[in-house]
């Protein structure tokens, strides 16, 4: 699957994802990324550890040794999106650049689609 059909991660997001997985404190398959309904704008981004990979429900991407697991439903909202790691004086964390989002809230954690 190409990046345009799936998702992409910046080198900094890959580096921080690997660090998060290494610091998990338990065996995990990789980093699970997804979306859920809710938040101020209708949907919000989810970041978790993938404790298992569900056949027929999950897609697995490999980014320079970092396994990223995304469920089929979430991928529909994340196709073509880029995950980055941003750090400023006031905050830090993963941040999506999502071409499917038609709007978002001020916190940057939730978004809406048409």
Protein backbone atom coordinates (compact mmCIF):
# COMPACT_ATOMS: atom_id res chain seq x y z
CA UNK A 1 0.00 0.00 0.00
CA UNK A 2 1.44 3.38 -0.94
CA UNK A 3 1.60 6.37 1.39
CA UNK A 4 -1.15 8.11 -0.61
CA UNK A 5 -3.48 5.12 -0.02
CA UNK A 6 -2.42 4.80 3.60
CA UNK A 7 -0.70 7.04 6.09
CA UNK A 8 2.77 8.45 6.39
CA UNK A 9 4.99 9.39 9.34
CA UNK A 10 7.71 12.00 9.48
CA UNK A 11 11.17 10.85 10.61
CA UNK A 12 10.62 12.60 13.97
CA UNK A 13 7.28 10.79 14.48
CA UNK A 14 8.99 7.46 13.70
CA UNK A 15 11.77 8.22 16.18
CA UNK A 16 9.33 9.17 18.94
CA UNK A 17 7.05 6.22 18.14
CA UNK A 18 9.98 3.83 18.54
CA UNK A 19 10.84 5.48 21.85
CA UNK A 20 7.24 5.14 23.10
CA UNK A 21 7.12 1.45 22.12
CA UNK A 22 10.49 0.80 23.80
CA UNK A 23 9.24 2.52 26.97
CA UNK A 24 5.91 0.62 27.00
CA UNK A 25 6.93 -1.58 29.91
CA UNK A 26 5.19 -4.60 28.38
CA UNK A 27 5.48 -6.49 25.13
CA UNK A 28 3.54 -4.76 22.36
CA UNK A 29 3.23 -5.31 18.60
CA UNK A 30 3.71 -1.62 17.83
CA UNK A 31 1.90 1.70 17.89
CA UNK A 32 -1.86 1.72 17.27
CA UNK A 33 -3.25 4.83 15.58
CA UNK A 34 -6.91 5.49 14.89
CA UNK A 35 -9.95 7.68 15.24
CA UNK A 36 -13.07 7.51 17.38
CA UNK A 37 -16.34 9.38 17.28
CA UNK A 38 -16.58 12.29 19.76
CA UNK A 39 -14.53 15.29 20.71
CA UNK A 40 -15.47 18.91 20.00
CA UNK A 41 -15.59 18.44 16.22
CA UNK A 42 -17.06 14.96 15.76
CA UNK A 43 -13.98 12.71 15.69
CA UNK A 44 -10.79 12.54 17.69
CA UNK A 45 -7.41 10.91 17.16
CA UNK A 46 -6.41 7.88 19.24
CA UNK A 47 -2.86 6.82 20.11
CA UNK A 48 -2.26 3.54 21.94
CA UNK A 49 -0.06 0.48 21.99
CA UNK A 50 -1.07 -2.43 19.75
CA UNK A 51 -1.14 -5.40 22.08
CA UNK A 52 -2.35 -7.65 19.28
CA UNK A 53 -3.08 -7.44 15.57
CA UNK A 54 -6.62 -8.37 14.58
CA UNK A 55 -6.77 -10.26 11.27
CA UNK A 56 -9.19 -8.75 8.73
CA UNK A 57 -9.61 -5.61 10.90
CA UNK A 58 -6.12 -4.14 11.13
CA UNK A 59 -3.57 -3.00 8.59
CA UNK A 60 0.09 -2.96 9.58
CA UNK A 61 2.56 -0.42 8.23
CA UNK A 62 6.30 -0.60 8.77
CA UNK A 63 8.14 2.70 9.11
CA UNK A 64 11.85 2.02 9.43
CA UNK A 65 11.24 -0.77 11.95
CA UNK A 66 8.29 0.85 13.74
CA UNK A 67 5.12 -1.20 13.33
CA UNK A 68 2.06 1.03 13.04
CA UNK A 69 -1.34 -0.64 13.31
CA UNK A 70 -4.48 1.05 11.94
CA UNK A 71 -7.95 -0.45 11.82
CA UNK A 72 -9.80 -0.43 8.49
CA UNK A 73 -12.46 2.05 9.64
CA UNK A 74 -9.92 4.59 10.91
CA UNK A 75 -7.91 4.32 7.72
CA UNK A 76 -10.85 5.73 5.76
CA UNK A 77 -10.46 8.97 7.74
CA UNK A 78 -6.65 8.93 7.69
CA UNK A 79 -5.87 8.11 4.03
CA UNK A 80 -3.12 10.41 2.85
CA UNK A 81 -2.56 11.87 6.33
CA UNK A 82 0.89 12.56 7.77
CA UNK A 83 1.71 12.06 11.44
CA UNK A 84 4.37 14.35 12.86
CA UNK A 85 5.86 14.98 16.30
CA UNK A 86 5.72 18.60 17.40
CA UNK A 87 7.42 20.15 20.37
CA UNK A 88 7.09 23.71 21.66
CA UNK A 89 7.59 25.53 24.93
CA UNK A 90 4.02 24.78 26.01
CA UNK A 91 3.31 21.32 24.61
CA UNK A 92 4.59 18.30 22.74
CA UNK A 93 3.13 15.25 21.06
CA UNK A 94 1.92 13.63 17.89
CA UNK A 95 0.11 15.90 15.46
CA UNK A 96 -1.81 14.89 12.31
CA UNK A 97 -1.84 16.75 9.01
CA UNK A 98 -5.03 15.23 7.67
CA UNK A 99 -6.28 16.15 4.17
CA UNK A 100 -9.64 14.54 4.96
CA UNK A 101 -10.41 16.94 7.81
CA UNK A 102 -12.64 19.84 6.78
CA UNK A 103 -12.28 21.53 10.15
CA UNK A 104 -10.82 21.04 13.60
CA UNK A 105 -11.05 22.44 17.07
CA UNK A 106 -8.55 24.70 18.76
CA UNK A 107 -6.94 21.85 20.68
CA UNK A 108 -5.91 20.08 17.46
CA UNK A 109 -7.04 16.70 18.80
CA UNK A 110 -10.45 16.52 17.14
CA UNK A 111 -11.64 17.12 13.61
CA UNK A 112 -14.67 17.03 11.34
CA UNK A 113 -15.27 15.67 7.85
CA UNK A 114 -17.97 16.39 5.29
